[in-house]
Protein backbone atom coordinates (compact mmCIF):
# COMPACT_ATOMS: atom_id res chain seq x y z
CA MET A 1 100.46 17.37 -14.53
CA ASN A 2 102.04 14.48 -13.39
CA GLY A 3 101.91 13.75 -9.77
CA GLU A 4 103.83 11.17 -7.48
CA ILE A 5 103.68 7.65 -6.98
CA ARG A 6 102.55 6.58 -3.54
CA GLN A 7 102.27 3.15 -1.85
CA TYR A 8 99.71 2.03 0.71
CA ASP A 9 98.47 -1.09 1.64
CA TYR A 10 94.68 -0.77 0.86
CA VAL A 11 93.06 2.38 -1.05
CA VAL A 12 89.68 2.86 -0.26
CA VAL A 13 87.78 5.10 -2.60
CA GLY A 14 84.84 6.59 -0.68
CA SER A 15 84.40 8.21 2.80
CA GLY A 16 80.65 6.77 3.49
CA VAL A 17 79.69 3.95 6.19
CA ALA A 18 81.30 1.29 4.03
CA GLY A 19 84.53 3.11 3.27
CA LEU A 20 85.08 4.29 6.77
CA MET A 21 83.89 0.76 8.41
CA PHE A 22 86.34 -1.06 6.37
CA ALA A 23 89.09 1.63 6.92
CA LEU A 24 89.07 1.40 10.95
CA LYS A 25 89.02 -2.82 10.45
CA ALA A 26 91.80 -2.80 7.82
CA SER A 27 94.03 -0.66 9.38
CA ARG A 28 94.44 -3.13 11.90
CA HIS A 29 96.73 -4.97 9.53
CA GLY A 30 97.67 -2.43 6.83
CA SER A 31 98.02 0.93 5.86
CA VAL A 32 94.83 3.09 4.50
CA VAL A 33 94.22 5.74 2.39
CA ILE A 34 90.90 7.03 1.90
CA VAL A 35 90.42 9.16 -1.25
CA THR A 36 87.07 10.98 -1.28
CA LYS A 37 85.84 13.72 -3.66
CA LYS A 38 84.70 16.72 -1.31
CA SER A 39 84.76 16.84 2.30
CA SER A 40 85.06 13.34 4.05
CA VAL A 41 81.43 14.07 5.62
CA GLU A 42 79.79 14.30 1.88
CA SER A 43 78.43 11.04 1.29
CA SER A 44 74.82 9.49 0.90
CA THR A 45 75.68 8.34 4.40
CA ASN A 46 75.50 11.53 5.88
CA TYR A 47 72.31 12.33 4.37
CA ALA A 48 70.78 9.10 5.15
CA GLN A 49 67.55 9.93 7.48
CA GLY A 50 65.80 6.75 8.29
CA GLY A 51 68.15 4.48 10.03
CA ILE A 52 69.60 0.77 9.79
CA ALA A 53 67.37 -2.02 9.92
CA SER A 54 68.38 -4.90 12.13
CA VAL A 55 66.58 -7.66 14.41
CA THR A 56 67.41 -6.32 17.97
CA SER A 57 63.74 -6.80 19.85
CA ASP A 58 61.92 -10.24 21.00
CA GLU A 59 59.35 -9.26 18.91
CA ASP A 60 61.33 -9.53 15.79
CA SER A 61 63.21 -12.44 14.42
CA PHE A 62 66.03 -13.02 11.39
CA ASP A 63 63.25 -15.30 9.61
CA LEU A 64 60.88 -12.30 9.45
CA HIS A 65 63.42 -9.94 8.42
CA VAL A 66 64.43 -12.48 5.56
CA ARG A 67 61.06 -12.63 4.46
CA ASP A 68 60.40 -9.07 4.41
CA THR A 69 63.46 -8.69 2.49
CA LEU A 70 62.77 -11.18 -0.23
CA LYS A 71 59.18 -9.84 -0.71
CA ALA A 72 60.36 -6.08 -1.27
CA GLY A 73 63.39 -7.67 -3.92
CA ALA A 74 60.52 -9.37 -6.15
CA GLY A 75 61.87 -12.67 -6.33
CA LEU A 76 65.87 -11.66 -7.19
CA CYS A 77 67.32 -11.64 -3.86
CA ARG A 78 69.69 -14.59 -3.26
CA GLU A 79 68.51 -16.17 -0.38
CA ASP A 80 71.74 -16.92 1.34
CA SER A 81 73.21 -13.64 1.05
CA VAL A 82 70.11 -12.12 2.62
CA ARG A 83 70.17 -14.60 5.75
CA SER A 84 73.87 -14.04 5.89
CA ILE A 85 73.54 -10.31 5.99
CA VAL A 86 70.60 -10.19 8.24
CA GLN A 87 71.96 -12.57 10.85
CA GLU A 88 75.51 -10.68 10.99
CA GLY A 89 73.29 -7.49 11.59
CA PRO A 90 73.15 -7.24 15.51
CA ALA A 91 77.03 -7.82 16.02
CA ARG A 92 77.75 -5.01 13.58
CA ILE A 93 74.99 -2.91 15.35
CA GLN A 94 76.98 -3.68 18.61
CA GLU A 95 80.23 -2.54 16.99
CA LEU A 96 78.53 0.79 15.87
CA ILE A 97 77.21 1.46 19.39
CA GLU A 98 80.86 0.76 20.58
CA LEU A 99 82.31 3.16 18.31
CA GLY A 100 80.18 5.90 20.10
CA ILE A 101 77.02 5.86 17.88
CA ARG A 102 74.06 7.04 19.77
CA PHE A 103 70.89 5.66 18.17
CA SER A 104 67.33 7.22 19.88
CA GLU A 105 65.76 5.41 22.62
CA ARG A 106 63.00 5.48 24.74
CA GLU A 107 61.69 4.78 28.23
CA VAL A 108 60.65 1.38 28.66
CA PRO A 109 56.56 0.99 29.24
CA GLY A 110 55.88 0.21 32.89
CA HIS A 111 59.57 0.78 34.07
CA PRO A 112 60.19 4.10 34.90
CA GLY A 113 64.07 4.95 34.49
CA ALA A 114 64.55 1.91 32.22
CA ARG A 115 65.52 2.78 28.71
CA GLU A 116 65.51 0.64 25.37
CA LEU A 117 66.42 1.40 21.71
CA ASP A 118 63.29 3.15 20.12
CA LEU A 119 62.80 1.10 16.92
CA GLY A 120 61.16 2.55 14.07
CA ARG A 121 59.16 0.87 11.05
CA GLU A 122 59.52 1.73 7.49
CA GLY A 123 57.88 0.57 4.37
CA GLY A 124 57.69 -3.45 3.64
CA HIS A 125 58.99 -3.97 7.35
CA SER A 126 56.49 -6.49 8.94
CA LYS A 127 58.03 -5.20 12.64
CA ARG A 128 59.75 -2.11 13.92
CA ARG A 129 63.27 -2.75 13.61
CA ILE A 130 64.92 0.36 12.32
CA LEU A 131 67.68 1.90 14.50
CA HIS A 132 67.76 5.34 14.33
CA ALA A 133 69.19 8.70 15.62
CA GLN A 134 65.84 10.77 15.73
CA ASP A 135 65.71 11.56 11.73
CA MET A 136 69.65 12.37 11.14
CA THR A 137 70.83 8.39 11.58
CA GLY A 138 73.44 9.12 8.65
CA ARG A 139 75.14 12.24 10.20
CA GLU A 140 75.49 10.55 13.26
CA ILE A 141 77.14 7.62 12.00
CA GLU A 142 79.56 9.45 9.96
CA ARG A 143 80.25 11.67 12.95
CA ALA A 144 81.22 8.85 15.06
CA LEU A 145 83.35 6.89 12.14
CA LEU A 146 85.21 9.97 10.86
CA ALA A 147 86.11 10.64 14.54
CA ALA A 148 87.54 7.24 14.99
CA ALA A 149 89.13 7.23 11.51
CA HIS A 150 91.33 10.55 12.30
CA ALA A 151 92.34 9.21 15.50
CA GLU A 152 93.84 6.10 13.84
CA GLU A 153 97.36 6.45 12.50
CA GLN A 154 97.37 4.04 9.81
CA ILE A 155 94.45 5.72 8.13
CA THR A 156 95.27 9.01 6.07
CA ILE A 157 92.07 10.71 4.58
CA LEU A 158 92.65 12.86 1.25
CA GLU A 159 89.57 15.31 0.87
CA ASP A 160 89.01 16.82 -2.74
CA HIS A 161 90.63 14.01 -4.64
CA ILE A 162 88.56 11.74 -7.19
CA ALA A 163 89.55 9.01 -8.45
CA VAL A 164 90.46 8.76 -12.27
CA ASP A 165 90.71 4.78 -13.35
CA LEU A 166 92.00 1.60 -11.98
CA ILE A 167 95.41 0.31 -12.63
CA THR A 168 95.60 -2.90 -14.11
CA SER A 169 98.35 -5.51 -15.18
CA ALA A 170 96.34 -6.00 -18.60
CA LYS A 171 96.27 -2.24 -19.26
CA LEU A 172 99.82 -2.07 -18.48
CA GLY A 173 100.62 -5.03 -20.89
CA ARG A 174 102.15 -7.25 -18.51
CA PRO A 175 101.88 -11.14 -18.65
CA GLY A 176 100.12 -13.23 -16.46
CA PRO A 177 96.63 -13.18 -15.05
CA ASN A 178 94.86 -9.82 -14.73
CA ARG A 179 94.96 -7.86 -11.46
CA CYS A 180 94.03 -4.44 -10.00
CA LEU A 181 97.48 -2.90 -9.01
CA GLY A 182 96.14 0.40 -7.59
CA VAL A 183 94.32 3.69 -9.09
CA TYR A 184 95.05 7.14 -10.60
CA VAL A 185 93.92 9.78 -8.52
CA LEU A 186 93.46 13.55 -9.52
CA GLU A 187 94.18 15.99 -6.76
CA LYS A 188 91.88 18.81 -7.63
CA ALA A 189 93.97 21.77 -5.95
CA ALA A 190 97.17 20.92 -7.75
CA ALA A 191 95.40 19.90 -10.71
CA ALA A 192 97.91 16.71 -10.31
CA VAL A 193 97.04 12.95 -10.84
CA HIS A 194 98.98 10.67 -8.34
CA THR A 195 99.57 7.10 -8.63
CA TYR A 196 98.38 5.22 -5.75
CA ALA A 197 99.86 1.33 -5.92
CA ALA A 198 98.05 -1.14 -3.35
CA ARG A 199 97.71 -4.43 -2.06
CA ALA A 200 93.78 -4.22 -2.82
CA VAL A 201 91.48 -1.11 -3.94
CA ILE A 202 88.01 -1.03 -2.33
CA LEU A 203 85.62 0.73 -4.05
CA ALA A 204 83.12 2.43 -1.59
CA THR A 205 81.77 5.12 -3.97
CA GLY A 206 78.05 4.92 -3.31
CA GLY A 207 75.58 5.31 -5.73
CA CYS A 208 74.87 7.04 -9.13
CA GLY A 209 71.71 9.37 -8.47
CA LYS A 210 72.90 12.41 -10.38
CA VAL A 211 72.50 10.44 -13.65
CA TYR A 212 68.62 11.59 -12.83
CA LEU A 213 67.79 15.13 -13.06
CA TYR A 214 65.89 14.80 -9.91
CA THR A 215 67.73 12.81 -6.94
CA THR A 216 67.74 12.62 -3.22
CA ASN A 217 71.45 11.87 -3.57
CA PRO A 218 74.31 14.40 -2.74
CA ASP A 219 76.37 16.11 -5.95
CA ILE A 220 79.30 13.37 -5.76
CA ALA A 221 77.01 10.41 -6.46
CA THR A 222 78.03 10.23 -10.02
CA GLY A 223 78.66 6.34 -10.72
CA ASP A 224 82.42 6.44 -10.42
CA GLY A 225 82.90 2.78 -8.84
CA VAL A 226 80.51 1.15 -11.50
CA ALA A 227 82.36 3.18 -14.27
CA MET A 228 85.75 2.48 -13.35
CA ALA A 229 85.06 -1.12 -12.52
CA TRP A 230 83.57 -1.44 -15.91
CA ARG A 231 86.26 0.24 -17.46
CA ALA A 232 88.77 -2.30 -15.97
CA GLY A 233 86.59 -5.41 -17.22
CA VAL A 234 84.72 -6.16 -14.35
CA PRO A 235 81.18 -7.37 -14.55
CA VAL A 236 78.08 -5.18 -13.55
CA ALA A 237 74.48 -6.58 -12.84
CA ASN A 238 70.82 -5.18 -12.50
CA MET A 239 71.61 -1.63 -13.23
CA GLU A 240 67.85 -1.17 -14.61
CA PHE A 241 66.91 -1.40 -10.76
CA ILE A 242 67.15 2.26 -9.78
CA GLN A 243 65.19 3.14 -6.57
CA PHE A 244 63.01 6.08 -6.70
CA HIS A 245 62.02 7.56 -3.75
CA PRO A 246 58.69 8.44 -3.40
CA THR A 247 58.97 11.49 -1.25
CA CYS A 248 61.23 14.01 -1.88
CA LEU A 249 60.15 17.98 -0.81
CA TYR A 250 58.50 19.89 -3.61
CA HIS A 251 59.78 23.20 -3.19
CA PRO A 252 61.53 25.68 -5.82
CA LYS A 253 64.38 26.54 -3.40
CA ALA A 254 64.82 22.88 -1.96
CA LYS A 255 67.49 20.97 -3.45
CA SER A 256 66.72 17.42 -3.43
CA PHE A 257 65.57 17.28 0.49
CA LEU A 258 64.72 13.96 1.15
CA ILE A 259 61.17 13.21 3.54
CA SER A 260 62.18 9.88 5.36
CA GLU A 261 59.95 6.91 4.98
CA ALA A 262 59.98 6.98 8.54
CA VAL A 263 57.48 9.64 8.45
CA ARG A 264 55.04 7.15 6.62
CA GLY A 265 56.49 4.76 8.92
CA GLU A 266 55.01 6.99 11.82
CA GLY A 267 51.18 7.24 10.34
CA ALA A 268 51.81 9.84 7.57
CA VAL A 269 49.64 9.51 4.69
CA LEU A 270 49.57 9.89 0.81
CA ARG A 271 47.09 12.28 -0.45
CA ALA A 272 46.19 13.38 -3.90
CA LEU A 273 45.65 17.37 -3.86
CA ASP A 274 42.17 17.10 -3.48
CA GLY A 275 42.69 15.00 -0.31
CA ARG A 276 41.94 11.76 -1.13
CA GLU A 277 44.10 8.96 -0.08
CA PHE A 278 44.98 7.59 -3.25
CA MET A 279 47.02 4.63 -1.97
CA GLU A 280 43.63 2.92 -0.99
CA GLY A 281 43.03 -0.08 -3.10
CA GLN A 282 46.98 0.10 -4.43
CA HIS A 283 48.67 -2.34 -1.79
CA GLU A 284 47.38 -3.89 1.34
CA LEU A 285 49.84 -1.70 3.18
CA LYS A 286 48.60 1.73 1.76
CA SER A 287 50.93 4.22 2.18
CA LEU A 288 53.46 1.93 3.91
CA ALA A 289 53.66 -0.02 0.68
CA PRO A 290 56.98 -0.95 -0.44
CA ARG A 291 58.79 2.13 -2.39
CA ASP A 292 58.33 0.56 -6.17
CA VAL A 293 54.66 0.56 -5.48
CA VAL A 294 54.26 4.08 -3.87
CA ALA A 295 56.78 5.71 -6.42
CA ARG A 296 54.46 4.15 -9.44
CA ALA A 297 51.36 5.35 -7.63
CA ILE A 298 52.21 8.72 -7.12
CA ASP A 299 53.77 9.18 -10.90
CA ALA A 300 50.01 7.51 -12.20
CA GLU A 301 48.52 10.17 -9.77
CA MET A 302 50.43 12.99 -11.17
CA LYS A 303 50.28 12.04 -14.72
CA ARG A 304 46.46 11.54 -14.01
CA SER A 305 45.75 14.69 -12.63
CA GLY A 306 48.14 16.86 -14.21
CA SER A 307 49.53 18.09 -11.07
CA ASP A 308 53.23 18.32 -10.53
CA HIS A 309 53.36 17.13 -6.79
CA VAL A 310 51.31 15.26 -4.17
CA SER A 311 50.92 15.64 -0.30
CA LEU A 312 52.13 13.77 2.57
CA ASP A 313 50.25 14.46 5.69
CA ILE A 314 51.22 13.55 9.12
CA THR A 315 49.12 16.54 10.57
CA HIS A 316 47.00 14.08 12.49
CA LYS A 317 49.91 13.17 14.91
CA PRO A 318 50.54 15.49 17.88
CA ALA A 319 52.89 18.07 17.15
CA PRO A 320 55.31 17.40 19.95
CA PHE A 321 55.76 14.33 18.71
CA ILE A 322 56.54 15.19 15.06
CA ILE A 323 58.94 17.93 16.14
CA ARG A 324 60.37 15.15 18.84
CA ARG A 325 60.88 12.23 16.15
CA PHE A 326 61.82 14.32 13.19
CA PRO A 327 63.25 17.49 14.27
CA ASN A 328 65.42 17.98 10.97
CA ILE A 329 62.73 17.66 8.61
CA TYR A 330 60.44 19.83 10.58
CA ARG A 331 63.15 22.43 10.90
CA THR A 332 64.12 22.11 7.43
CA CYS A 333 60.80 22.73 6.36
CA LEU A 334 59.92 25.36 8.60
CA GLU A 335 62.86 27.22 6.76
CA TYR A 336 60.91 27.20 3.43
CA GLY A 337 57.66 28.31 5.12
CA LEU A 338 56.21 24.93 5.46
CA ASP A 339 54.81 23.60 9.12
CA ILE A 340 54.43 20.03 8.98
CA THR A 341 52.51 19.93 12.28
CA LYS A 342 49.95 21.67 10.51
CA GLU A 343 49.87 21.51 6.57
CA PRO A 344 50.67 18.40 4.32
CA ILE A 345 54.39 17.81 2.98
CA PRO A 346 54.49 18.45 -1.01
CA VAL A 347 56.42 15.42 -2.27
CA VAL A 348 57.61 14.29 -5.49
CA PRO A 349 59.51 11.06 -6.55
CA ALA A 350 63.59 11.46 -7.13
CA ALA A 351 66.16 8.80 -8.01
CA HIS A 352 67.58 7.64 -4.62
CA TYR A 353 69.15 4.13 -4.69
CA GLN A 354 71.01 1.85 -7.06
CA CYS A 355 70.11 -1.61 -6.27
CA GLY A 356 72.47 -3.58 -8.74
CA GLY A 357 76.11 -2.49 -9.05
CA VAL A 358 79.60 -4.33 -9.40
CA VAL A 359 79.28 -8.10 -9.24
CA THR A 360 80.71 -9.45 -6.20
CA ASP A 361 80.54 -11.98 -3.58
CA LEU A 362 79.73 -11.41 0.28
CA ASP A 363 83.11 -10.52 0.86
CA GLY A 364 83.18 -8.03 -1.52
CA ARG A 365 85.51 -9.72 -4.05
CA THR A 366 85.17 -8.66 -7.77
CA ALA A 367 86.14 -10.83 -10.59
CA LEU A 368 89.36 -8.78 -10.90
CA PRO A 369 91.79 -9.89 -8.13
CA GLY A 370 92.94 -7.02 -5.96
CA LEU A 371 89.65 -5.23 -6.51
CA PHE A 372 86.99 -5.35 -4.11
CA ALA A 373 83.68 -3.08 -3.71
CA ILE A 374 81.29 -2.59 -0.92
CA GLY A 375 78.03 -0.66 0.03
CA GLU A 376 75.78 0.48 -2.57
CA VAL A 377 78.24 0.36 -5.43
CA ALA A 378 78.63 -3.40 -4.95
CA CYS A 379 75.51 -5.86 -6.41
CA THR A 380 75.67 -8.32 -3.56
CA GLY A 381 72.28 -10.22 -4.30
CA LEU A 382 70.90 -8.32 -0.95
CA HIS A 383 68.87 -6.02 -2.67
CA GLY A 384 67.41 -8.10 -5.87
CA ALA A 385 64.84 -5.70 -7.57
CA ASN A 386 63.72 -3.33 -4.85
CA ARG A 387 65.68 -2.40 -1.73
CA LEU A 388 63.95 -2.67 1.53
CA ALA A 389 63.87 0.35 3.47
CA SER A 390 67.30 0.73 5.72
CA ASN A 391 68.96 -2.57 4.59
CA SER A 392 71.68 -0.53 2.57
CA LEU A 393 73.57 0.73 6.00
CA LEU A 394 73.08 -2.70 7.21
CA GLU A 395 74.96 -4.14 3.99
CA ALA A 396 77.24 -1.28 4.08
CA VAL A 397 78.58 -2.22 7.88
CA VAL A 398 78.14 -6.00 7.29
CA GLY A 399 80.28 -5.97 3.63
CA ALA A 400 83.19 -3.72 5.08
CA HIS A 401 83.72 -6.38 8.20
CA ARG A 402 83.96 -9.24 5.61
CA ALA A 403 85.90 -6.93 3.46
CA ALA A 404 88.39 -6.55 5.85
CA ALA A 405 88.38 -9.83 7.42
CA SER A 406 88.75 -11.29 4.08
CA LEU A 407 91.90 -9.28 3.41
CA GLU A 408 93.08 -10.10 6.59
CA ARG A 409 92.88 -13.54 6.12
CA ASP A 410 94.12 -14.02 2.57
CA ARG A 411 96.62 -10.79 2.31
CA PRO A 412 97.34 -10.63 -1.30
CA GLU A 413 100.88 -9.78 -1.98
CA ALA A 414 102.18 -6.51 -3.11
CA ASP A 415 103.40 -6.20 -6.42
CA ARG A 416 107.17 -5.62 -6.63
CA THR A 417 107.39 -4.11 -9.91
CA LEU A 418 106.95 -0.15 -10.21
CA VAL A 419 103.55 0.97 -11.36
CA PRO A 420 103.99 3.76 -13.94
CA ARG A 421 103.17 7.26 -13.27
CA TRP A 422 100.19 9.19 -15.32
CA GLU A 423 101.10 10.53 -18.35
CA SER A 424 99.21 13.41 -19.80
CA GLY A 425 100.83 13.57 -23.10
CA ASP A 426 99.85 16.12 -25.33
CA ALA A 427 96.54 16.62 -23.75
CA GLN A 428 95.49 20.73 -23.93
CA ASP A 429 93.57 22.61 -21.22
CA PRO A 430 90.24 22.54 -22.03
CA ASP A 431 88.77 25.08 -24.38
CA GLU A 432 84.95 25.10 -23.84
CA LEU A 433 83.73 24.20 -20.87
CA VAL A 434 80.37 24.77 -22.06
CA VAL A 435 80.79 21.41 -23.93
CA ILE A 436 81.18 19.61 -20.46
CA ALA A 437 77.85 21.63 -19.29
CA HIS A 438 75.66 21.00 -22.00
CA LEU A 439 76.39 16.76 -22.19
CA TRP A 440 75.77 16.82 -18.46
CA ASP A 441 72.69 18.34 -18.39
CA GLU A 442 71.48 16.51 -21.55
CA ILE A 443 72.31 13.06 -19.79
CA ARG A 444 70.19 13.83 -16.72
CA ARG A 445 67.19 15.25 -18.45
CA LEU A 446 67.43 12.27 -20.94
CA MET A 447 67.46 9.59 -18.40
CA TRP A 448 64.46 11.29 -16.33
CA ASP A 449 62.36 11.55 -19.15
CA TYR A 450 63.12 7.87 -20.98
CA VAL A 451 64.46 5.77 -18.27
CA GLY A 452 62.69 7.26 -15.35
CA ILE A 453 60.09 5.43 -13.03
CA VAL A 454 57.28 4.25 -15.90
CA ARG A 455 59.60 3.10 -19.11
CA THR A 456 58.89 1.71 -22.89
CA THR A 457 61.01 0.13 -25.44
CA ARG A 458 60.85 3.21 -27.68
CA ARG A 459 61.82 5.03 -24.82
CA LEU A 460 64.60 3.05 -23.98
CA ARG A 461 66.14 2.71 -27.62
CA ARG A 462 65.91 6.72 -28.58
CA ALA A 463 67.97 6.70 -25.23
CA GLN A 464 70.46 3.99 -25.78
CA THR A 465 71.09 5.89 -29.46
CA ARG A 466 71.72 9.27 -28.01
CA ILE A 467 73.98 7.92 -25.05
CA LYS A 468 75.99 6.14 -27.46
CA ASN A 469 76.55 9.14 -29.35
CA ILE A 470 77.07 11.11 -26.18
CA LEU A 471 79.90 8.40 -25.15
CA GLU A 472 81.82 9.00 -28.29
CA GLU A 473 82.06 12.72 -27.83
CA ILE A 474 83.05 12.35 -24.38
CA GLN A 475 85.67 9.99 -25.26
CA GLU A 476 86.95 12.08 -28.10
CA TYR A 477 87.13 15.01 -25.62
CA TYR A 478 88.79 13.03 -23.01
CA TRP A 479 91.64 12.22 -24.89
CA ASP A 480 92.21 15.74 -26.04
CA PHE A 481 92.17 17.24 -23.06
CA VAL A 482 93.98 17.31 -19.56
CA VAL A 483 91.12 15.83 -17.04
CA THR A 484 89.35 17.51 -14.88
CA ALA A 485 86.96 16.50 -11.98
CA ASP A 486 83.94 17.82 -13.98
CA LEU A 487 85.29 16.03 -16.97
CA LEU A 488 85.71 12.60 -15.00
CA GLU A 489 82.46 12.92 -13.17
CA LEU A 490 80.83 13.47 -17.06
CA ARG A 491 82.61 10.52 -18.46
CA ASN A 492 81.22 8.31 -15.45
CA ILE A 493 77.22 9.64 -15.27
CA ALA A 494 77.63 8.70 -19.30
CA THR A 495 78.98 5.18 -18.70
CA VAL A 496 76.58 4.53 -16.24
CA ALA A 497 73.70 5.58 -17.96
CA ASP A 498 74.67 3.63 -20.95
CA LEU A 499 74.63 0.29 -18.49
CA ILE A 500 71.31 1.08 -16.83
CA VAL A 501 69.64 1.67 -20.41
CA ARG A 502 71.52 -1.87 -21.60
CA CYS A 503 70.16 -3.42 -18.35
CA ALA A 504 66.69 -1.99 -18.48
CA THR A 505 66.67 -3.30 -22.43
CA ALA A 506 67.83 -6.90 -21.58
CA ARG A 507 64.64 -7.44 -19.36
CA PRO A 508 61.79 -7.96 -21.07
CA GLU A 509 59.26 -7.95 -18.19
CA SER A 510 58.25 -5.70 -15.33
CA ARG A 511 59.78 -6.59 -11.68
CA GLY A 512 60.38 -4.57 -9.01
CA LEU A 513 61.87 -1.01 -9.83
CA HIS A 514 62.07 -1.72 -13.46
CA TYR A 515 58.29 -0.91 -14.77
CA THR A 516 57.81 -1.40 -18.55
CA LEU A 517 54.24 -0.48 -20.27
CA ASP A 518 55.25 -2.76 -23.03
CA HIS A 519 55.84 -5.74 -20.77
CA PRO A 520 53.43 -4.99 -17.58
CA GLU A 521 53.62 -7.96 -16.05
CA PRO A 522 56.71 -10.11 -14.07
CA ASP A 523 58.19 -13.27 -16.49
CA PRO A 524 58.30 -16.45 -14.30
CA ALA A 525 61.00 -17.00 -16.69
CA TRP A 526 63.19 -14.40 -15.76
CA ALA A 527 63.05 -14.61 -11.35
CA GLN A 528 66.31 -15.31 -10.56
CA ARG A 529 67.94 -14.31 -13.76
CA ASP A 530 70.52 -11.36 -13.09
CA THR A 531 71.02 -9.13 -16.18
CA VAL A 532 74.55 -9.32 -16.17
CA LEU A 533 76.77 -7.06 -18.16
CA THR A 534 80.36 -8.48 -19.04
CA PRO A 535 82.75 -5.78 -20.68
CA GLU A 536 84.25 -7.10 -24.11
CA ARG A 537 88.18 -7.76 -23.76
């Protein structure tokens, strides 16, 4: 069904912290529409338990935060990007507090009645610098930003809408330099595709965890922004660096429940099922080692012992402290019959964070004029080969601020020519939905088995061959039938799976999150070398 043509200054795809922060700032100088696939609170932000990293104490410094980030990034971070984002952090934190976000506080030791931020510590951090709202930081940030967005007249939020594809002048056959003119959007309830024309489109779509069989991400994390940007001719980089969170709750009835890294930050210890602390000798920080080290160690322990999980033990801490510091984790585990104050938590690694993405500068600009990308979807150089814990929310708020400021400073001209409606042509209603369900399942299992925590060249080649065939099947299906949300997400996860495999194949070394048995050591020749893929035009 062909929908309406609508005009805004800015179209934001995604309603996590990056999208909402951009919308709030950009609404001061233009009209904004936020397109979100499900309810506006359904985002990776809402599931972020740990917190947001920023230098806010006298014991910490920008240099230390930069050093920790560079070390975690395994030689692939861009130091200028890291330093800029870290130094802008405190100002953005203050804005969040002014928006009503309630970070956890504690009593100042030796000063009864005085309060200060209760800073946590997570893997890879040399100091306590994690601002948190107990263990529900993302939910608290999302609550405050959504309330502010709903109160702003210049912001429209469209729930249950999914972006189909970017509209570019090249796709329309127009002369002159290529630029982004807007985006086609499927309204799921009406089964209609609307046309949204804009001065700029901002991708804030988050990551691609659903490309893998096991993930901590919400169901909406299907790599839509990366896939759309790629189809529009925009370069993508470092997609081989998928961070697997070491500690996802292992329980047959628990769906992708994350056990925050902050639990290890407060003293929890990883143990094999025989009680042994297997991180001894793996890293100087033991259970507080960076995520890539911990995830590989857990994977190796599971393979060695034949067990299907390991344990995370915080029972040596006082029960009142555990319940007060991690109320959501305690309550959720209790619902599954597990009292974490008395027994270890069964955990397994799961796909968690996309460190690569759409290539941008620090203001979110892509190679396509009129298209910006911010947050997890973007590759800014901050994360390198491995994201330092809780730097993601920091990157999102800084990126949103910089993108909005850039567009206010260099406001693009609105395209005066009419952007065409979506045309369905002779497409029919899908006749066999089992095709979509089957391919969806096949991709996720294929990626988990062949392109997971530990890789080999042979597995990557097998994955590449099968994904190529799957993409051809999806392309044929896409043009024969009218678009649905399931079909759009299937096309996107297949595209992103292909990009991950291609980047992994192009890096003949092990670095950060990319570990291959055929090249187990980092190659100095690949230090500071991104795996940039550029679409054929």
